PDB file of N, CA and C in Angstrom:
ATOM      1  N   MET A   1      -1.567  -1.856  -2.619  1.00  0.00           N
ATOM      2  CA  MET A   1      -1.515  -0.705  -1.750  1.00  0.00           C
ATOM      3  C   MET A   1      -2.184   0.467  -2.461  1.00  0.00           C
ATOM      4  N   ASN A   2      -3.327   0.868  -1.993  1.00  0.00           N
ATOM      5  CA  ASN A   2      -4.111   1.922  -2.627  1.00  0.00           C
ATOM      6  C   ASN A   2      -4.245   3.087  -1.650  1.00  0.00           C
ATOM      7  N   ILE A   3      -3.324   4.052  -1.760  1.00  0.00           N
ATOM      8  CA  ILE A   3      -3.340   5.204  -0.865  1.00  0.00           C
ATOM      9  C   ILE A   3      -3.901   6.394  -1.630  1.00  0.00           C
ATOM     10  N   LYS A   4      -4.872   7.078  -1.025  1.00  0.00           N
ATOM     11  CA  LYS A   4      -5.427   8.251  -1.685  1.00  0.00           C
ATOM     12  C   LYS A   4      -5.683   9.348  -0.656  1.00  0.00           C
ATOM     13  N   ARG A   5      -5.621  10.581  -1.126  1.00  0.00           N
ATOM     14  CA  ARG A   5      -5.918  11.759  -0.306  1.00  0.00           C
ATOM     15  C   ARG A   5      -6.699  12.741  -1.157  1.00  0.00           C
ATOM     16  N   TYR A   6      -7.447  13.586  -0.462  1.00  0.00           N
ATOM     17  CA  TYR A   6      -8.224  14.605  -1.166  1.00  0.00           C
ATOM     18  C   TYR A   6      -7.327  15.798  -1.464  1.00  0.00           C
ATOM     19  N   ASN A   7      -7.270  16.192  -2.725  1.00  0.00           N
ATOM     20  CA  ASN A   7      -6.480  17.332  -3.172  1.00  0.00           C
ATOM     21  C   ASN A   7      -7.404  18.528  -3.295  1.00  0.00           C
ATOM     22  N   MET A   8      -7.184  19.553  -2.456  1.00  0.00           N
ATOM     23  CA  MET A   8      -8.050  20.729  -2.452  1.00  0.00           C
ATOM     24  C   MET A   8      -7.870  21.577  -3.711  1.00  0.00           C
ATOM     25  N   TYR A   9      -6.673  21.586  -4.291  1.00  0.00           N
ATOM     26  CA  TYR A   9      -6.418  22.391  -5.488  1.00  0.00           C
ATOM     27  C   TYR A   9      -7.129  21.803  -6.708  1.00  0.00           C
ATOM     28  N   LYS A  10      -7.028  20.488  -6.876  1.00  0.00           N
ATOM     29  CA  LYS A  10      -7.675  19.830  -8.008  1.00  0.00           C
ATOM     30  C   LYS A  10      -9.129  19.462  -7.717  1.00  0.00           C
ATOM     31  N   ARG A  11      -9.521  19.547  -6.448  1.00  0.00           N
ATOM     32  CA  ARG A  11     -10.873  19.177  -5.999  1.00  0.00           C
ATOM     33  C   ARG A  11     -11.232  17.750  -6.387  1.00  0.00           C
ATOM     34  N   ASP A  12     -10.306  16.857  -6.129  1.00  0.00           N
ATOM     35  CA  ASP A  12     -10.484  15.454  -6.466  1.00  0.00           C
ATOM     36  C   ASP A  12      -9.523  14.632  -5.601  1.00  0.00           C
ATOM     37  N   TYR A  13      -9.774  13.334  -5.529  1.00  0.00           N
ATOM     38  CA  TYR A  13      -8.861  12.444  -4.825  1.00  0.00           C
ATOM     39  C   TYR A  13      -7.708  12.083  -5.750  1.00  0.00           C
ATOM     40  N   ILE A  14      -6.499  12.068  -5.198  1.00  0.00           N
ATOM     41  CA  ILE A  14      -5.354  11.603  -5.959  1.00  0.00           C
ATOM     42  C   ILE A  14      -4.946  10.244  -5.389  1.00  0.00           C
ATOM     43  N   ILE A  15      -4.594   9.346  -6.263  1.00  0.00           N
ATOM     44  CA  ILE A  15      -4.218   7.989  -5.884  1.00  0.00           C
ATOM     45  C   ILE A  15      -2.755   7.788  -6.257  1.00  0.00           C
ATOM     46  N   LEU A  16      -1.977   7.290  -5.317  1.00  0.00           N
ATOM     47  CA  LEU A  16      -0.554   7.085  -5.545  1.00  0.00           C
ATOM     48  C   LEU A  16      -0.298   5.768  -6.256  1.00  0.00           C
ATOM     49  N   GLU A  17       0.607   5.825  -7.215  1.00  0.00           N
ATOM     50  CA  GLU A  17       1.179   4.605  -7.785  1.00  0.00           C
ATOM     51  C   GLU A  17       2.330   4.183  -6.862  1.00  0.00           C
ATOM     52  N   GLU A  18       2.911   3.028  -7.100  1.00  0.00           N
ATOM     53  CA  GLU A  18       3.918   2.532  -6.165  1.00  0.00           C
ATOM     54  C   GLU A  18       5.233   3.308  -6.223  1.00  0.00           C
ATOM     55  N   TRP A  19       5.505   4.048  -7.296  1.00  0.00           N
ATOM     56  CA  TRP A  19       6.747   4.828  -7.413  1.00  0.00           C
ATOM     57  C   TRP A  19       6.551   6.294  -7.031  1.00  0.00           C
ATOM     58  N   GLU A  20       5.370   6.681  -6.568  1.00  0.00           N
ATOM     59  CA  GLU A  20       5.072   8.065  -6.238  1.00  0.00           C
ATOM     60  C   GLU A  20       4.952   8.249  -4.723  1.00  0.00           C
ATOM     61  N   VAL A  21       5.155   9.477  -4.280  1.00  0.00           N
ATOM     62  CA  VAL A  21       4.993   9.840  -2.870  1.00  0.00           C
ATOM     63  C   VAL A  21       4.212  11.147  -2.797  1.00  0.00           C
ATOM     64  N   PHE A  22       3.573  11.381  -1.658  1.00  0.00           N
ATOM     65  CA  PHE A  22       2.903  12.654  -1.449  1.00  0.00           C
ATOM     66  C   PHE A  22       3.945  13.747  -1.285  1.00  0.00           C
ATOM     67  N   CYS A  23       3.592  14.934  -1.685  1.00  0.00           N
ATOM     68  CA  CYS A  23       4.477  16.089  -1.566  1.00  0.00           C
ATOM     69  C   CYS A  23       4.782  16.343  -0.093  1.00  0.00           C
ATOM     70  N   SER A  24       6.054  16.612   0.207  1.00  0.00           N
ATOM     71  CA  SER A  24       6.441  16.830   1.598  1.00  0.00           C
ATOM     72  C   SER A  24       6.036  18.208   2.112  1.00  0.00           C
ATOM     73  N   VAL A  25       5.752  19.151   1.227  1.00  0.00           N
ATOM     74  CA  VAL A  25       5.382  20.501   1.655  1.00  0.00           C
ATOM     75  C   VAL A  25       3.892  20.583   1.956  1.00  0.00           C
ATOM     76  N   CYS A  26       3.055  20.142   1.024  1.00  0.00           N
ATOM     77  CA  CYS A  26       1.604  20.278   1.212  1.00  0.00           C
ATOM     78  C   CYS A  26       0.950  18.994   1.706  1.00  0.00           C
ATOM     79  N   GLY A  27       1.654  17.888   1.698  1.00  0.00           N
ATOM     80  CA  GLY A  27       1.098  16.633   2.185  1.00  0.00           C
ATOM     81  C   GLY A  27       0.062  16.027   1.262  1.00  0.00           C
ATOM     82  N   GLY A  28       0.073  16.400  -0.005  1.00  0.00           N
ATOM     83  CA  GLY A  28      -0.886  15.865  -0.967  1.00  0.00           C
ATOM     84  C   GLY A  28      -2.116  16.722  -1.159  1.00  0.00           C
ATOM     85  N   ARG A  29      -2.249  17.797  -0.393  1.00  0.00           N
ATOM     86  CA  ARG A  29      -3.426  18.652  -0.503  1.00  0.00           C
ATOM     87  C   ARG A  29      -3.365  19.603  -1.691  1.00  0.00           C
ATOM     88  N   GLY A  30      -2.175  19.928  -2.185  1.00  0.00           N
ATOM     89  CA  GLY A  30      -2.032  20.828  -3.320  1.00  0.00           C
ATOM     90  C   GLY A  30      -1.997  22.292  -2.942  1.00  0.00           C
ATOM     91  N   LEU A  31      -2.493  22.626  -1.772  1.00  0.00           N
ATOM     92  CA  LEU A  31      -2.507  24.009  -1.295  1.00  0.00           C
ATOM     93  C   LEU A  31      -1.817  24.086   0.054  1.00  0.00           C
ATOM     94  N   ILE A  32      -1.179  25.220   0.316  1.00  0.00           N
ATOM     95  CA  ILE A  32      -0.583  25.451   1.621  1.00  0.00           C
ATOM     96  C   ILE A  32      -1.216  26.697   2.214  1.00  0.00           C
ATOM     97  N   ILE A  33      -1.272  26.743   3.529  1.00  0.00           N
ATOM     98  CA  ILE A  33      -1.859  27.886   4.231  1.00  0.00           C
ATOM     99  C   ILE A  33      -0.755  28.903   4.501  1.00  0.00           C
ATOM    100  N   TYR A  34      -0.944  30.096   3.985  1.00  0.00           N
ATOM    101  CA  TYR A  34       0.008  31.179   4.211  1.00  0.00           C
ATOM    102  C   TYR A  34      -0.562  32.114   5.261  1.00  0.00           C
ATOM    103  N   LYS A  35       0.157  32.288   6.347  1.00  0.00           N
ATOM    104  CA  LYS A  35      -0.257  33.189   7.416  1.00  0.00           C
ATOM    105  C   LYS A  35       0.580  34.457   7.313  1.00  0.00           C
ATOM    106  N   HIS A  36      -0.082  35.577   7.177  1.00  0.00           N
ATOM    107  CA  HIS A  36       0.632  36.842   7.098  1.00  0.00           C
ATOM    108  C   HIS A  36       1.294  37.116   8.445  1.00  0.00           C
ATOM    109  N   PRO A  37       2.579  37.497   8.445  1.00  0.00           N
ATOM    110  CA  PRO A  37       3.284  37.631   9.730  1.00  0.00           C
ATOM    111  C   PRO A  37       2.805  38.780  10.610  1.00  0.00           C
ATOM    112  N   ARG A  38       2.225  39.831  10.021  1.00  0.00           N
ATOM    113  CA  ARG A  38       1.842  40.987  10.832  1.00  0.00           C
ATOM    114  C   ARG A  38       0.347  41.065  11.129  1.00  0.00           C
ATOM    115  N   THR A  39      -0.443  40.280  10.422  1.00  0.00           N
ATOM    116  CA  THR A  39      -1.882  40.283  10.681  1.00  0.00           C
ATOM    117  C   THR A  39      -2.347  38.857  10.929  1.00  0.00           C
ATOM    118  N   THR A  40      -3.625  38.692  11.145  1.00  0.00           N
ATOM    119  CA  THR A  40      -4.174  37.353  11.352  1.00  0.00           C
ATOM    120  C   THR A  40      -4.782  36.784  10.074  1.00  0.00           C
ATOM    121  N   LYS A  41      -4.529  37.434   8.941  1.00  0.00           N
ATOM    122  CA  LYS A  41      -5.107  36.963   7.684  1.00  0.00           C
ATOM    123  C   LYS A  41      -4.399  35.703   7.206  1.00  0.00           C
ATOM    124  N   ARG A  42      -5.177  34.813   6.622  1.00  0.00           N
ATOM    125  CA  ARG A  42      -4.659  33.564   6.060  1.00  0.00           C
ATOM    126  C   ARG A  42      -5.103  33.448   4.618  1.00  0.00           C
ATOM    127  N   ARG A  43      -4.270  32.858   3.806  1.00  0.00           N
ATOM    128  CA  ARG A  43      -4.609  32.613   2.404  1.00  0.00           C
ATOM    129  C   ARG A  43      -4.164  31.207   2.031  1.00  0.00           C
ATOM    130  N   LEU A  44      -4.865  30.609   1.097  1.00  0.00           N
ATOM    131  CA  LEU A  44      -4.451  29.323   0.555  1.00  0.00           C
ATOM    132  C   LEU A  44      -3.681  29.586  -0.731  1.00  0.00           C
ATOM    133  N   LEU A  45      -2.457  29.093  -0.795  1.00  0.00           N
ATOM    134  CA  LEU A  45      -1.615  29.273  -1.967  1.00  0.00           C
ATOM    135  C   LEU A  45      -1.285  27.923  -2.586  1.00  0.00           C
ATOM    136  N   LYS A  46      -1.104  27.912  -3.899  1.00  0.00           N
ATOM    137  CA  LYS A  46      -0.712  26.682  -4.589  1.00  0.00           C
ATOM    138  C   LYS A  46       0.694  26.287  -4.130  1.00  0.00           C
ATOM    139  N   CYS A  47       0.886  25.025  -3.901  1.00  0.00           N
ATOM    140  CA  CYS A  47       2.163  24.514  -3.399  1.00  0.00           C
ATOM    141  C   CYS A  47       3.277  24.814  -4.400  1.00  0.00           C
ATOM    142  N   TYR A  48       4.404  25.281  -3.883  1.00  0.00           N
ATOM    143  CA  TYR A  48       5.522  25.642  -4.745  1.00  0.00           C
ATOM    144  C   TYR A  48       6.395  24.452  -5.135  1.00  0.00           C
ATOM    145  N   LYS A  49       6.238  23.320  -4.480  1.00  0.00           N
ATOM    146  CA  LYS A  49       7.067  22.157  -4.798  1.00  0.00           C
ATOM    147  C   LYS A  49       6.404  21.246  -5.831  1.00  0.00           C
ATOM    148  N   CYS A  50       5.103  20.984  -5.685  1.00  0.00           N
ATOM    149  CA  CYS A  50       4.403  20.080  -6.606  1.00  0.00           C
ATOM    150  C   CYS A  50       3.475  20.825  -7.558  1.00  0.00           C
ATOM    151  N   PHE A  51       3.377  22.149  -7.403  1.00  0.00           N
ATOM    152  CA  PHE A  51       2.515  23.003  -8.233  1.00  0.00           C
ATOM    153  C   PHE A  51       1.055  22.570  -8.208  1.00  0.00           C
ATOM    154  N   GLY A  52       0.590  22.070  -7.057  1.00  0.00           N
ATOM    155  CA  GLY A  52      -0.807  21.724  -6.879  1.00  0.00           C
ATOM    156  C   GLY A  52      -1.171  20.293  -7.210  1.00  0.00           C
ATOM    157  N   TYR A  53      -0.256  19.517  -7.753  1.00  0.00           N
ATOM    158  CA  TYR A  53      -0.571  18.129  -8.104  1.00  0.00           C
ATOM    159  C   TYR A  53      -0.643  17.222  -6.873  1.00  0.00           C
ATOM    160  N   GLY A  54       0.113  17.539  -5.836  1.00  0.00           N
ATOM    161  CA  GLY A  54       0.031  16.789  -4.583  1.00  0.00           C
ATOM    162  C   GLY A  54       0.904  15.568  -4.502  1.00  0.00           C
ATOM    163  N   LYS A  55       1.499  15.156  -5.606  1.00  0.00           N
ATOM    164  CA  LYS A  55       2.356  13.978  -5.577  1.00  0.00           C
ATOM    165  C   LYS A  55       3.558  14.184  -6.481  1.00  0.00           C
ATOM    166  N   LEU A  56       4.628  13.451  -6.174  1.00  0.00           N
ATOM    167  CA  LEU A  56       5.869  13.522  -6.926  1.00  0.00           C
ATOM    168  C   LEU A  56       6.371  12.107  -7.180  1.00  0.00           C
ATOM    169  N   ASP A  57       6.950  11.878  -8.350  1.00  0.00           N
ATOM    170  CA  ASP A  57       7.592  10.593  -8.576  1.00  0.00           C
ATOM    171  C   ASP A  57       9.077  10.718  -8.228  1.00  0.00           C
ATOM    172  N   TRP A  58       9.830   9.663  -8.426  1.00  0.00           N
ATOM    173  CA  TRP A  58      11.219   9.669  -7.964  1.00  0.00           C
ATOM    174  C   TRP A  58      12.083  10.627  -8.769  1.00  0.00           C
ATOM    175  N   ILE A  59      11.773  10.858 -10.019  1.00  0.00           N
ATOM    176  CA  ILE A  59      12.550  11.800 -10.821  1.00  0.00           C
ATOM    177  C   ILE A  59      12.248  13.234 -10.392  1.00  0.00           C
ATOM    178  N   GLU A  60      10.978  13.539 -10.161  1.00  0.00           N
ATOM    179  CA  GLU A  60      10.584  14.885  -9.740  1.00  0.00           C
ATOM    180  C   GLU A  60      11.108  15.216  -8.346  1.00  0.00           C
ATOM    181  N   ARG A  61      11.259  14.218  -7.503  1.00  0.00           N
ATOM    182  CA  ARG A  61      11.840  14.463  -6.183  1.00  0.00           C
ATOM    183  C   ARG A  61      13.297  14.857  -6.303  1.00  0.00           C
ATOM    184  N   ALA A  62      14.016  14.301  -7.270  1.00  0.00           N
ATOM    185  CA  ALA A  62      15.440  14.598  -7.426  1.00  0.00           C
ATOM    186  C   ALA A  62      15.694  15.889  -8.205  1.00  0.00           C
ATOM    187  N   THR A  63      14.908  16.125  -9.257  1.00  0.00           N
ATOM    188  CA  THR A  63      15.198  17.248 -10.139  1.00  0.00           C
ATOM    189  C   THR A  63      14.214  18.396 -10.004  1.00  0.00           C
ATOM    190  N   GLY A  64      13.087  18.183  -9.373  1.00  0.00           N
ATOM    191  CA  GLY A  64      12.057  19.205  -9.277  1.00  0.00           C
ATOM    192  C   GLY A  64      10.995  18.986 -10.336  1.00  0.00           C
ATOM    193  N   LYS A  65       9.842  19.559 -10.122  1.00  0.00           N
ATOM    194  CA  LYS A  65       8.699  19.394 -11.035  1.00  0.00           C
ATOM    195  C   LYS A  65       8.933  20.216 -12.297  1.00  0.00           C
ATOM    196  N   ASN A  66       8.709  19.609 -13.457  1.00  0.00           N
ATOM    197  CA  ASN A  66       8.862  20.283 -14.732  1.00  0.00           C
ATOM    198  C   ASN A  66       7.488  20.381 -15.374  1.00  0.00           C
ATOM    199  N   LEU A  67       7.015  21.583 -15.600  1.00  0.00           N
ATOM    200  CA  LEU A  67       5.667  21.777 -16.157  1.00  0.00           C
ATOM    201  C   LEU A  67       5.659  21.903 -17.671  1.00  0.00           C
ATOM    202  N   ASP A  68       6.813  21.851 -18.328  1.00  0.00           N
ATOM    203  CA  ASP A  68       6.860  22.001 -19.782  1.00  0.00           C
ATOM    204  C   ASP A  68       6.217  20.834 -20.506  1.00  0.00           C
ATOM    205  N   ASN A  69       6.326  19.627 -19.985  1.00  0.00           N
ATOM    206  CA  ASN A  69       5.803  18.460 -20.690  1.00  0.00           C
ATOM    207  C   ASN A  69       4.493  17.954 -20.107  1.00  0.00           C
ATOM    208  N   LYS A  70       3.850  18.691 -19.243  1.00  0.00           N
ATOM    209  CA  LYS A  70       2.596  18.225 -18.636  1.00  0.00           C
ATOM    210  C   LYS A  70       1.412  18.735 -19.420  1.00  0.00           C
TER     211      LYS A  70
END
């Protein structure tokens, strides 16, 4: 099973291993679209759940992403 998606933050394709899943917030893109509530301006922001990586393993899904050891 070779699932891959284009990650806009890393500007590369990410490939899932069998124990990994795409981020539920950004869907593997690494960036989310922020729409300002009072204007029509939009910005791309780095995902707050996966920090732009686009994928999470089972430990990161339970405890959250830890950037100290990356």
